[in-house]
Amino acid sequence: MNRILVSESLAEEGLAILRGSAAVEACYSLSRDELLSVVADCQGLIVRSGTRVDRELIESAPKLRVIGRAGAGVDNIDLDAASERGIIVLNAAGGNTVSAAELAVALLLSLSRHLAEANASLKAGEWNRSAFVGAELRGKTAGIVGLGLVGAAVARRLQAMEMRTIAFDPFVSEERARSVGAELVRLPDLLSQSDVVTLHSSASPDAPPLLGAAEFQAMKAGALLVNTARGRLVDEAALLEALDSGRVGGAALDVFAQEPAQDNPLVKHPRVLATPHLGASTQEAQERVAVDIATETLKVLRGQPSQAAVNAPLIDPESLEAVGPYLSVAEMCGRLATQLASGQWRDIVIHYRGEIANHDVTPLKASVVAGLLAPISDEHVNLVNINNVIAHRGWRISERKTPDAEPYTSTITVELRTSAGATSLMGTLEHGRAAVVEINGFYVHISGPRLQPGQAADHLHLLVLRNEDRPGRIGEVGMALGRLDVNIAAMDVGFSPDDPSEMSMMALLISRTLSVEEVASIGAIDGVEDVAQAQM
């Protein structure tokens, strides 16, 4: 019988499922040394956010086949170390959707009717009805940032309250938005039109806040803000200033940039309703998460596929030999397409050319989708859940195969079509390194980093621009970057055989990411157009 260690509290409903098919050790107060000792003989490990599943732990558990995270985030699990060992990592991403959505609505209702202050006043012995005049939500506009599972659930609930719902999420289709009753708009339009702005988006650790001083200034005067998603989505100093000035009428915050947040001045602000990260803190969510992770863990131990897997399962040797080397190419093309494109997403076309076109390219498709998501979401993609991920976002993906890839052995082209046009990247494999060989029809050549198995990549900063094909343009760009104290590590200039406009494309690897103002200064150079940047 398989042994499963549960290192943190799990609802009894989940434990009962596990005990029906495995030997379960529920040990919630193990020291680090005790944890390493106990897990050594286990095939399964179930954790929450408090257990650090690092390389040391994984290497101390030679029998381990599956790690289950009873929750959504897997930041405390070393996915690379697990994948190298062929260990499947699971999460229970959808278990708290309803609880998180209901909390957002509850916070909004409490904020709009001053319920927390009224309750505190009455308990203090006061009876001051006139001090707590609120506002109805019916007929108001709610701006939803992020139409994932939680954002969509919030949209449906606010529509039941007769609110108009608009949304900003450039990474879902218009059909997906319509299906949940929301109208897609640009972020500036959402901010200017919304009486309520509620955040349900992910945030990468190195991304700037989505809402800063300029965004708060653009908001409708007196609008309310609700954040139950990620604390780092909001510039907290800018929010504090917007609350003090009255530009933002009030904020309900369940998440903060640094937690615990007892010393955060926002918590004590009179216009802030603050809760201690309660999004998943309901009995039903805890039960659902426990049942989901227990069920999926047992599936893996029985050798069955799991829809909850967050790292790519091993590819069979035959497929690995043919397409495995091109997984990094597929992921890179997808990742760059997301960063270089603008506008509302519509269609995605993947074109496989050369030898790889003669094989099952499903792993390559999964890598493209993983790359497309990487800059915008912490969602994980693998061969098992790829179709669910695509359907959830309403993406339309078509694939093409061509047996000839001259002058290359094989290439992968990712074309991302949006309301602003199409962005395409062709990549190939050269000497074990993924390389970009075409951007938007222009022939260029930029190689990614050379990595050993399991080695993390240092980001390469890519700057792409179109310029008039005349003397001096390359020098002007180089001098401008020099004045910004930016080093050029590599550069290529390419042409397009199908572009009669006598334009060239520069692709440069530079030493750092440029600010918005610095990108604008490059774009202001005479003869330079369409400046964009990305991390490779």
Protein backbone atom coordinates (compact mmCIF):
# COMPACT_ATOMS: atom_id res chain seq x y z
CA MET A 1 0.00 0.00 0.00
CA ASN A 2 1.25 3.49 -0.86
CA ARG A 3 2.26 5.74 2.02
CA ILE A 4 1.14 9.39 1.99
CA LEU A 5 2.44 12.04 4.36
CA VAL A 6 0.08 14.95 5.09
CA SER A 7 2.30 17.60 6.68
CA GLU A 8 -0.32 20.31 7.29
CA SER A 9 -3.95 20.39 8.32
CA LEU A 10 -6.34 18.84 5.83
CA ALA A 11 -10.12 18.61 6.18
CA GLU A 12 -11.35 15.25 7.40
CA GLU A 13 -13.27 14.67 4.17
CA GLY A 14 -9.97 14.55 2.28
CA LEU A 15 -8.25 12.38 4.86
CA ALA A 16 -11.08 9.87 4.67
CA ILE A 17 -10.64 9.53 0.90
CA LEU A 18 -6.89 8.98 1.31
CA ARG A 19 -7.29 6.42 4.09
CA GLY A 20 -9.56 4.35 1.89
CA SER A 21 -6.69 3.58 -0.50
CA ALA A 22 -3.38 4.39 1.22
CA ALA A 23 -1.50 4.38 4.51
CA VAL A 24 -1.78 7.98 5.70
CA GLU A 25 0.44 9.75 8.19
CA ALA A 26 -1.10 13.08 9.19
CA CYS A 27 1.72 14.84 11.06
CA TYR A 28 1.17 18.56 11.40
CA SER A 29 4.02 19.66 13.70
CA LEU A 30 7.12 17.99 12.31
CA SER A 31 10.50 19.64 12.62
CA ARG A 32 12.56 19.91 9.45
CA ASP A 33 14.67 16.89 10.39
CA GLU A 34 11.58 14.86 11.28
CA LEU A 35 9.96 15.84 7.96
CA LEU A 36 13.00 14.68 5.98
CA SER A 37 13.02 11.40 7.87
CA VAL A 38 9.32 10.59 7.54
CA VAL A 39 9.00 11.53 3.85
CA ALA A 40 11.87 9.20 2.91
CA ASP A 41 9.53 6.19 2.78
CA CYS A 42 6.50 7.94 1.22
CA GLN A 43 5.11 7.75 -2.30
CA GLY A 44 2.89 10.80 -1.75
CA LEU A 45 3.19 14.13 0.07
CA ILE A 46 0.37 16.62 0.66
CA VAL A 47 1.18 20.13 1.91
CA ARG A 48 -0.30 23.58 2.20
CA SER A 49 1.75 26.79 2.05
CA GLY A 50 3.75 26.25 5.23
CA THR A 51 5.90 23.29 4.14
CA ARG A 52 9.01 24.10 2.11
CA VAL A 53 9.31 21.37 -0.51
CA ASP A 54 12.77 22.20 -1.81
CA ARG A 55 15.40 20.18 -3.63
CA GLU A 56 16.79 18.82 -0.37
CA LEU A 57 13.43 17.38 0.63
CA ILE A 58 12.75 15.96 -2.82
CA GLU A 59 16.17 14.30 -2.97
CA SER A 60 15.63 12.79 0.48
CA ALA A 61 12.47 11.02 -0.73
CA PRO A 62 13.55 8.42 -3.32
CA LYS A 63 10.11 6.79 -3.43
CA LEU A 64 8.14 10.01 -3.89
CA ARG A 65 5.87 10.04 -6.96
CA VAL A 66 3.40 12.86 -6.29
CA ILE A 67 3.27 16.11 -4.32
CA GLY A 68 -0.16 17.64 -3.70
CA ARG A 69 -0.69 21.27 -2.71
CA ALA A 70 -4.01 21.74 -0.90
CA GLY A 71 -4.56 25.15 -2.47
CA ALA A 72 -3.71 27.07 -5.62
CA GLY A 73 -0.19 28.47 -5.30
CA VAL A 74 2.86 26.21 -5.57
CA ASP A 75 5.53 28.82 -4.76
CA ASN A 76 6.75 26.68 -1.86
CA ILE A 77 7.47 23.69 -4.14
CA ASP A 78 10.59 23.36 -6.32
CA LEU A 79 8.92 22.42 -9.61
CA ASP A 80 12.21 21.97 -11.45
CA ALA A 81 13.54 19.52 -8.87
CA ALA A 82 10.27 17.59 -8.92
CA SER A 83 10.13 17.44 -12.72
CA GLU A 84 13.71 16.20 -12.93
CA ARG A 85 12.70 13.29 -10.72
CA GLY A 86 9.50 12.65 -12.66
CA ILE A 87 7.39 13.63 -9.63
CA ILE A 88 3.97 15.03 -10.50
CA VAL A 89 3.01 18.20 -8.62
CA LEU A 90 -0.70 18.84 -8.15
CA ASN A 91 -2.74 21.75 -6.87
CA ALA A 92 -6.40 22.44 -6.12
CA ALA A 93 -6.76 25.66 -8.06
CA GLY A 94 -10.54 25.82 -8.40
CA GLY A 95 -11.50 24.75 -4.90
CA ASN A 96 -11.75 28.26 -3.49
CA THR A 97 -13.35 29.99 -6.51
CA VAL A 98 -16.79 30.44 -4.96
CA SER A 99 -15.40 31.42 -1.55
CA ALA A 100 -13.10 34.04 -3.07
CA ALA A 101 -15.87 35.44 -5.27
CA GLU A 102 -18.33 35.62 -2.38
CA LEU A 103 -15.76 37.38 -0.22
CA ALA A 104 -15.23 40.04 -2.90
CA VAL A 105 -18.99 40.66 -3.07
CA ALA A 106 -19.29 40.67 0.72
CA LEU A 107 -16.50 43.22 1.03
CA LEU A 108 -18.10 45.40 -1.62
CA LEU A 109 -21.49 45.33 0.12
CA SER A 110 -19.93 46.08 3.50
CA LEU A 111 -17.84 48.89 2.03
CA SER A 112 -20.73 50.54 0.20
CA ARG A 113 -22.99 50.42 3.29
CA HIS A 114 -20.31 51.13 5.95
CA LEU A 115 -21.28 47.97 7.82
CA ALA A 116 -18.01 47.48 9.69
CA GLU A 117 -17.97 51.06 11.00
CA ALA A 118 -21.65 50.93 11.90
CA ASN A 119 -21.13 47.70 13.81
CA ALA A 120 -18.17 49.13 15.71
CA SER A 121 -20.10 52.30 16.51
CA LEU A 122 -23.09 50.44 17.88
CA LYS A 123 -20.91 48.15 20.00
CA ALA A 124 -19.26 51.26 21.41
CA GLY A 125 -22.67 52.34 22.74
CA GLU A 126 -23.53 54.83 20.00
CA TRP A 127 -26.68 55.12 17.88
CA ASN A 128 -25.71 57.34 14.97
CA ARG A 129 -27.71 56.38 11.89
CA SER A 130 -26.93 59.55 9.96
CA ALA A 131 -23.18 58.87 10.06
CA PHE A 132 -23.48 55.73 7.96
CA VAL A 133 -25.47 56.67 4.88
CA GLY A 134 -24.37 54.30 2.14
CA ALA A 135 -25.07 53.81 -1.54
CA GLU A 136 -26.99 51.23 -3.57
CA LEU A 137 -25.10 49.10 -6.06
CA ARG A 138 -28.01 48.55 -8.43
CA GLY A 139 -27.47 50.42 -11.68
CA LYS A 140 -23.82 51.13 -10.92
CA THR A 141 -20.89 49.97 -13.06
CA ALA A 142 -18.46 47.37 -11.74
CA GLY A 143 -15.07 47.12 -13.42
CA ILE A 144 -13.56 43.64 -13.10
CA VAL A 145 -9.82 43.34 -13.69
CA GLY A 146 -9.15 39.72 -14.63
CA LEU A 147 -11.79 37.33 -15.98
CA GLY A 148 -10.38 34.07 -14.68
CA LEU A 149 -12.40 31.65 -12.60
CA VAL A 150 -12.88 34.07 -9.70
CA GLY A 151 -13.41 37.15 -11.86
CA ALA A 152 -16.08 35.38 -13.90
CA ALA A 153 -17.82 34.20 -10.72
CA VAL A 154 -17.82 37.76 -9.39
CA ALA A 155 -19.26 39.06 -12.67
CA ARG A 156 -22.21 36.68 -12.47
CA ARG A 157 -22.95 37.63 -8.87
CA LEU A 158 -22.78 41.36 -9.50
CA GLN A 159 -25.12 41.02 -12.48
CA ALA A 160 -27.61 39.33 -10.15
CA MET A 161 -27.45 42.57 -8.15
CA GLU A 162 -28.38 44.47 -11.35
CA MET A 163 -24.95 46.01 -11.82
CA ARG A 164 -23.40 46.66 -15.22
CA THR A 165 -20.18 44.65 -15.51
CA ILE A 166 -17.23 45.65 -17.68
CA ALA A 167 -13.88 43.89 -17.65
CA PHE A 168 -10.24 44.33 -18.55
CA ASP A 169 -8.41 41.16 -19.49
CA PRO A 170 -6.51 41.26 -22.79
CA PHE A 171 -5.79 37.55 -22.50
CA VAL A 172 -9.32 36.20 -22.83
CA SER A 173 -11.50 36.22 -25.91
CA GLU A 174 -14.50 38.47 -26.42
CA GLU A 175 -16.67 35.34 -26.61
CA ARG A 176 -15.47 34.29 -23.16
CA ALA A 177 -16.34 37.70 -21.74
CA ARG A 178 -19.80 37.66 -23.30
CA SER A 179 -20.43 34.21 -21.89
CA VAL A 180 -20.16 35.60 -18.35
CA GLY A 181 -22.09 38.78 -19.18
CA ALA A 182 -19.15 41.19 -19.20
CA GLU A 183 -18.09 43.75 -21.80
CA LEU A 184 -14.35 43.91 -22.51
CA VAL A 185 -12.83 47.40 -22.38
CA ARG A 186 -9.37 48.94 -22.13
CA LEU A 187 -8.04 49.55 -18.62
CA PRO A 188 -8.24 53.38 -18.90
CA ASP A 189 -11.88 53.09 -19.95
CA LEU A 190 -12.63 50.69 -17.10
CA LEU A 191 -11.09 53.04 -14.56
CA SER A 192 -12.93 56.12 -15.83
CA GLN A 193 -16.34 54.40 -16.07
CA SER A 194 -16.43 52.19 -12.97
CA ASP A 195 -18.10 53.01 -9.70
CA VAL A 196 -16.39 49.92 -8.30
CA VAL A 197 -13.07 48.39 -9.39
CA THR A 198 -12.49 44.83 -8.22
CA LEU A 199 -9.20 43.01 -8.85
CA HIS A 200 -8.99 39.33 -9.79
CA SER A 201 -5.76 39.17 -11.74
CA SER A 202 -2.46 37.43 -11.11
CA ALA A 203 0.81 39.33 -10.73
CA SER A 204 4.32 38.19 -11.46
CA PRO A 205 6.85 39.00 -8.70
CA ASP A 206 8.92 41.40 -10.81
CA ALA A 207 6.01 43.20 -12.53
CA PRO A 208 5.18 46.79 -11.51
CA PRO A 209 1.85 47.37 -9.73
CA LEU A 210 -1.15 47.41 -12.04
CA LEU A 211 -2.67 50.34 -10.19
CA GLY A 212 -0.39 53.25 -9.33
CA ALA A 213 -0.73 57.00 -8.92
CA ALA A 214 -1.68 57.59 -12.57
CA GLU A 215 -4.35 54.88 -12.51
CA PHE A 216 -5.89 56.17 -9.28
CA GLN A 217 -5.99 59.65 -10.79
CA ALA A 218 -7.78 58.19 -13.83
CA MET A 219 -10.45 56.50 -11.70
CA LYS A 220 -13.92 57.92 -11.41
CA ALA A 221 -13.95 60.30 -8.45
CA GLY A 222 -15.11 58.54 -5.28
CA ALA A 223 -14.98 55.06 -6.79
CA LEU A 224 -14.48 52.04 -4.54
CA LEU A 225 -11.64 49.53 -4.84
CA VAL A 226 -11.81 45.85 -3.86
CA ASN A 227 -8.70 43.65 -3.91
CA THR A 228 -8.94 39.97 -3.02
CA ALA A 229 -6.35 38.84 -5.58
CA ARG A 230 -2.72 39.89 -5.03
CA GLY A 231 -1.36 42.64 -2.81
CA ARG A 232 1.34 43.58 -5.30
CA LEU A 233 -1.27 44.55 -7.90
CA VAL A 234 -1.63 47.85 -6.01
CA ASP A 235 0.94 50.55 -5.27
CA GLU A 236 0.00 50.87 -1.61
CA ALA A 237 1.61 54.28 -1.12
CA ALA A 238 -0.31 55.63 -4.11
CA LEU A 239 -3.55 54.12 -2.79
CA LEU A 240 -2.97 55.72 0.60
CA GLU A 241 -2.58 59.11 -1.07
CA ALA A 242 -5.68 58.56 -3.23
CA LEU A 243 -7.72 57.68 -0.14
CA ASP A 244 -6.46 60.73 1.75
CA SER A 245 -7.37 63.00 -1.17
CA GLY A 246 -10.80 61.39 -1.60
CA ARG A 247 -10.07 60.38 -5.18
CA VAL A 248 -10.76 56.81 -4.08
CA GLY A 249 -13.87 56.75 -1.92
CA GLY A 250 -12.95 53.60 -0.06
CA ALA A 251 -11.03 50.34 -0.36
CA ALA A 252 -11.73 46.79 0.79
CA LEU A 253 -8.48 44.84 0.99
CA ASP A 254 -8.02 41.15 1.75
CA VAL A 255 -4.44 40.98 0.45
CA PHE A 256 -1.34 43.11 0.96
CA ALA A 257 2.10 43.46 -0.56
CA GLN A 258 3.66 42.16 2.68
CA GLU A 259 1.78 39.80 4.95
CA PRO A 260 1.06 39.70 7.86
CA ALA A 261 0.05 43.34 7.48
CA GLN A 262 -0.54 44.52 11.04
CA ASP A 263 1.81 47.49 10.61
CA ASN A 264 0.47 48.53 7.22
CA PRO A 265 -1.01 52.07 7.44
CA LEU A 266 -3.79 51.07 5.05
CA VAL A 267 -5.18 48.67 7.66
CA LYS A 268 -5.84 51.53 10.07
CA HIS A 269 -7.12 54.01 7.46
CA PRO A 270 -10.72 55.12 8.14
CA ARG A 271 -11.72 54.52 4.53
CA VAL A 272 -10.31 50.98 4.39
CA LEU A 273 -12.07 47.73 5.24
CA ALA A 274 -9.30 45.20 5.83
CA THR A 275 -9.40 41.43 6.33
CA PRO A 276 -6.50 39.00 6.89
CA HIS A 277 -6.39 37.09 3.56
CA LEU A 278 -9.67 35.23 4.00
CA GLY A 279 -10.36 34.36 0.36
CA ALA A 280 -10.27 30.60 0.89
CA SER A 281 -11.25 30.62 4.56
CA THR A 282 -14.60 28.92 4.42
CA GLN A 283 -15.53 25.46 5.60
CA GLU A 284 -16.77 24.57 2.12
CA ALA A 285 -13.58 25.72 0.39
CA GLN A 286 -11.39 23.80 2.82
CA GLU A 287 -13.48 20.66 2.31
CA ARG A 288 -13.50 21.07 -1.46
CA VAL A 289 -9.75 21.61 -1.63
CA ALA A 290 -9.13 18.59 0.59
CA VAL A 291 -11.39 16.33 -1.46
CA ASP A 292 -9.91 17.55 -4.76
CA ILE A 293 -6.27 17.09 -3.77
CA ALA A 294 -6.92 13.71 -2.14
CA THR A 295 -8.75 12.42 -5.21
CA GLU A 296 -6.12 13.66 -7.65
CA THR A 297 -3.23 12.36 -5.54
CA LEU A 298 -4.69 8.86 -5.55
CA LYS A 299 -5.19 9.07 -9.33
CA VAL A 300 -1.48 9.68 -9.87
CA LEU A 301 -0.51 6.85 -7.52
CA ARG A 302 -2.77 4.53 -9.53
CA GLY A 303 -1.04 5.57 -12.74
CA GLN A 304 -3.99 7.64 -14.00
CA PRO A 305 -3.73 11.15 -15.54
CA SER A 306 -4.67 14.10 -13.35
CA GLN A 307 -6.23 17.36 -14.48
CA ALA A 308 -4.63 19.04 -11.46
CA ALA A 309 -1.01 18.51 -12.55
CA VAL A 310 1.01 21.74 -12.66
CA ASN A 311 4.27 20.40 -14.06
CA ALA A 312 4.71 18.62 -17.36
CA PRO A 313 4.56 14.84 -17.14
CA LEU A 314 7.36 12.85 -18.69
CA ILE A 315 7.24 12.43 -22.46
CA ASP A 316 7.64 8.92 -23.82
CA PRO A 317 11.13 8.27 -25.22
CA GLU A 318 10.09 8.17 -28.89
CA SER A 319 8.31 11.52 -28.73
CA LEU A 320 11.05 13.02 -26.58
CA GLU A 321 13.70 12.17 -29.16
CA ALA A 322 11.76 13.86 -31.96
CA VAL A 323 10.13 16.93 -30.43
CA GLY A 324 11.61 17.15 -26.93
CA PRO A 325 14.55 19.37 -27.96
CA TYR A 326 12.09 21.89 -29.45
CA LEU A 327 10.02 22.37 -26.27
CA SER A 328 12.20 25.34 -25.30
CA VAL A 329 11.71 26.85 -28.77
CA ALA A 330 7.94 26.54 -28.51
CA GLU A 331 7.86 28.05 -25.04
CA MET A 332 10.14 30.94 -26.03
CA CYS A 333 8.06 31.84 -29.10
CA GLY A 334 4.87 31.86 -27.03
CA ARG A 335 6.40 33.93 -24.26
CA LEU A 336 7.78 36.54 -26.64
CA ALA A 337 4.51 36.73 -28.60
CA THR A 338 2.60 37.66 -25.45
CA GLN A 339 5.07 40.40 -24.56
CA LEU A 340 5.43 41.92 -28.03
CA ALA A 341 1.74 41.86 -28.97
CA SER A 342 -0.83 44.51 -28.10
CA GLY A 343 -4.62 44.64 -28.30
CA GLN A 344 -7.35 42.18 -27.41
CA TRP A 345 -6.46 38.57 -28.15
CA ARG A 346 -8.45 36.81 -30.88
CA ASP A 347 -6.73 33.86 -32.56
CA ILE A 348 -3.53 31.88 -32.19
CA VAL A 349 -1.88 29.98 -35.05
CA ILE A 350 0.98 27.52 -34.48
CA HIS A 351 2.91 26.36 -37.55
CA TYR A 352 5.27 23.39 -37.29
CA ARG A 353 7.74 22.95 -40.17
CA GLY A 354 10.33 20.31 -40.96
CA GLU A 355 11.02 17.02 -39.20
CA ILE A 356 8.89 17.79 -36.15
CA ALA A 357 5.83 18.07 -38.41
CA ASN A 358 5.99 14.29 -38.89
CA HIS A 359 5.37 13.59 -35.19
CA ASP A 360 2.76 14.15 -32.49
CA VAL A 361 3.22 17.84 -31.66
CA THR A 362 0.92 17.94 -28.62
CA PRO A 363 3.88 18.52 -26.25
CA LEU A 364 4.94 21.47 -28.41
CA LYS A 365 1.44 22.93 -28.30
CA ALA A 366 1.47 22.64 -24.51
CA SER A 367 4.81 24.45 -24.40
CA VAL A 368 3.50 27.25 -26.65
CA VAL A 369 0.48 27.72 -24.39
CA ALA A 370 2.72 27.65 -21.32
CA GLY A 371 4.87 30.34 -22.92
CA LEU A 372 1.87 32.49 -23.84
CA LEU A 373 0.70 32.37 -20.22
CA ALA A 374 4.08 32.76 -18.51
CA PRO A 375 4.28 36.60 -18.61
CA ILE A 376 0.68 37.12 -17.51
CA SER A 377 -0.35 34.29 -15.19
CA ASP A 378 0.93 31.85 -12.60
CA GLU A 379 -1.24 29.17 -14.21
CA HIS A 380 0.65 25.99 -15.12
CA VAL A 381 0.14 24.03 -18.32
CA ASN A 382 0.93 20.43 -19.20
CA LEU A 383 -0.23 17.70 -21.55
CA VAL A 384 -3.08 16.77 -19.23
CA ASN A 385 -4.71 20.14 -18.58
CA ILE A 386 -3.91 22.01 -21.81
CA ASN A 387 -7.40 21.68 -23.30
CA ASN A 388 -9.02 22.88 -20.08
CA VAL A 389 -6.70 25.89 -19.98
CA ILE A 390 -7.47 26.79 -23.59
CA ALA A 391 -11.23 26.38 -23.13
CA HIS A 392 -11.23 28.37 -19.89
CA ARG A 393 -9.66 31.37 -21.62
CA GLY A 394 -11.75 31.05 -24.76
CA TRP A 395 -8.70 30.86 -27.00
CA ARG A 396 -9.01 29.74 -30.61
CA ILE A 397 -5.87 27.84 -31.55
CA SER A 398 -5.24 26.37 -34.98
CA GLU A 399 -2.24 24.27 -35.96
CA ARG A 400 -0.52 23.75 -39.29
CA LYS A 401 2.17 21.32 -40.42
CA THR A 402 4.58 21.68 -43.33
CA PRO A 403 7.21 18.98 -44.00
CA ASP A 404 9.79 21.45 -45.38
CA ALA A 405 11.61 23.99 -43.18
CA GLU A 406 14.52 25.00 -45.42
CA PRO A 407 17.15 26.12 -44.53
CA TYR A 408 16.43 24.74 -41.05
CA THR A 409 15.79 21.20 -39.85
CA SER A 410 12.61 22.25 -38.00
CA THR A 411 10.95 25.51 -37.02
CA ILE A 412 7.99 26.61 -34.92
CA THR A 413 6.05 29.78 -35.70
CA VAL A 414 3.61 31.28 -33.22
CA GLU A 415 1.24 33.91 -34.59
CA LEU A 416 -0.87 35.83 -32.10
CA ARG A 417 -3.73 37.74 -33.74
CA THR A 418 -5.27 40.60 -31.79
CA SER A 419 -7.48 43.62 -32.37
CA ALA A 420 -4.29 45.60 -33.09
CA GLY A 421 -2.95 43.21 -35.71
CA ALA A 422 -0.79 40.10 -35.76
CA THR A 423 2.48 39.33 -34.01
CA SER A 424 4.47 36.33 -35.19
CA LEU A 425 7.73 34.73 -34.14
CA MET A 426 9.59 31.87 -35.78
CA GLY A 427 12.06 29.90 -33.71
CA THR A 428 14.41 27.01 -34.21
CA LEU A 429 17.07 25.05 -32.36
CA GLU A 430 20.73 25.81 -32.98
CA HIS A 431 23.53 24.00 -31.13
CA GLY A 432 21.15 23.15 -28.30
CA ARG A 433 19.86 26.71 -27.93
CA ALA A 434 16.47 28.15 -28.83
CA ALA A 435 16.84 30.97 -31.35
CA VAL A 436 14.45 33.51 -32.88
CA VAL A 437 14.96 33.66 -36.64
CA GLU A 438 11.98 35.71 -37.76
CA ILE A 439 9.79 38.41 -36.16
CA ASN A 440 6.71 39.65 -37.99
CA GLY A 441 8.13 38.50 -41.30
CA PHE A 442 11.53 40.15 -40.80
CA TYR A 443 14.57 37.88 -40.85
CA VAL A 444 16.52 38.32 -37.62
CA HIS A 445 18.66 36.05 -35.51
CA ILE A 446 18.74 36.19 -31.71
CA SER A 447 19.73 33.20 -29.55
CA GLY A 448 18.43 32.42 -26.10
CA PRO A 449 20.67 31.38 -23.18
CA ARG A 450 22.51 28.07 -23.20
CA LEU A 451 21.20 26.04 -20.28
CA GLN A 452 22.12 22.78 -18.63
CA PRO A 453 19.28 20.47 -17.47
CA GLY A 454 17.59 21.96 -14.44
CA GLN A 455 19.45 25.27 -14.74
CA ALA A 456 17.39 28.43 -14.33
CA ALA A 457 17.65 31.07 -17.04
CA ASP A 458 18.84 34.60 -16.41
CA HIS A 459 16.46 36.85 -18.31
CA LEU A 460 17.81 38.33 -21.53
CA HIS A 461 16.27 41.71 -22.29
CA LEU A 462 15.11 41.93 -25.91
CA LEU A 463 14.43 45.25 -27.64
CA VAL A 464 12.68 45.10 -31.03
CA LEU A 465 12.02 48.03 -33.34
CA ARG A 466 11.35 48.83 -36.98
CA ASN A 467 13.45 51.52 -38.64
CA GLU A 468 13.88 53.16 -42.00
CA ASP A 469 16.57 51.32 -43.96
CA ARG A 470 18.94 54.25 -44.38
CA PRO A 471 22.38 55.14 -43.02
CA GLY A 472 22.70 56.28 -39.43
CA ARG A 473 19.68 54.58 -37.88
CA ILE A 474 21.70 51.84 -36.15
CA GLY A 475 24.17 54.40 -34.82
CA GLU A 476 21.40 56.67 -33.50
CA VAL A 477 19.82 53.78 -31.58
CA GLY A 478 23.19 52.68 -30.20
CA MET A 479 24.05 56.20 -29.06
CA ALA A 480 20.63 56.65 -27.44
CA LEU A 481 21.06 53.41 -25.48
CA GLY A 482 24.56 54.50 -24.51
CA ARG A 483 23.21 57.74 -23.09
CA LEU A 484 20.83 55.63 -21.00
CA ASP A 485 23.81 53.61 -19.74
CA VAL A 486 22.42 50.48 -21.43
CA ASN A 487 24.84 47.97 -22.89
CA ILE A 488 24.11 46.07 -26.14
CA ALA A 489 25.07 42.41 -25.73
CA ALA A 490 23.95 41.27 -29.19
CA MET A 491 22.21 42.75 -32.20
CA ASP A 492 20.84 41.72 -35.56
CA VAL A 493 19.22 43.72 -38.36
CA GLY A 494 16.87 41.98 -40.75
CA PHE A 495 14.67 42.68 -43.73
CA SER A 496 11.32 41.34 -44.89
CA PRO A 497 10.99 40.02 -48.44
CA ASP A 498 7.28 40.78 -48.33
CA ASP A 499 7.52 44.36 -47.02
CA PRO A 500 7.90 46.97 -49.80
CA SER A 501 8.18 49.87 -47.33
CA GLU A 502 12.01 49.82 -47.19
CA MET A 503 11.91 49.23 -43.46
CA SER A 504 14.31 47.07 -41.47
CA MET A 505 13.97 45.47 -38.07
CA MET A 506 16.50 45.70 -35.27
CA ALA A 507 16.55 43.04 -32.56
CA LEU A 508 18.90 43.83 -29.69
CA LEU A 509 19.80 42.03 -26.48
CA ILE A 510 20.39 44.75 -23.90
CA SER A 511 21.59 44.83 -20.32
CA ARG A 512 18.33 45.81 -18.63
CA THR A 513 14.65 46.51 -19.15
CA LEU A 514 13.84 50.04 -20.28
CA SER A 515 11.30 52.22 -18.53
CA VAL A 516 8.22 53.47 -20.38
CA GLU A 517 9.85 56.86 -20.79
CA GLU A 518 13.06 55.32 -22.12
CA VAL A 519 11.15 53.24 -24.67
CA ALA A 520 9.39 56.44 -25.79
CA SER A 521 12.75 58.17 -26.19
CA ILE A 522 13.96 55.40 -28.51
CA GLY A 523 10.72 55.62 -30.47
CA ALA A 524 11.23 59.36 -30.88
CA ILE A 525 14.40 58.84 -32.94
CA ASP A 526 13.85 59.94 -36.52
CA GLY A 527 12.98 56.94 -38.69
CA VAL A 528 12.29 54.54 -35.80
CA GLU A 529 8.87 52.94 -35.31
CA ASP A 530 7.10 50.25 -33.27
CA VAL A 531 9.49 49.92 -30.32
CA ALA A 532 8.72 46.98 -28.05
CA GLN A 533 10.62 44.98 -25.48
CA ALA A 534 10.41 41.56 -23.86
CA GLN A 535 12.31 39.19 -21.65
CA MET A 536 13.59 36.06 -23.32
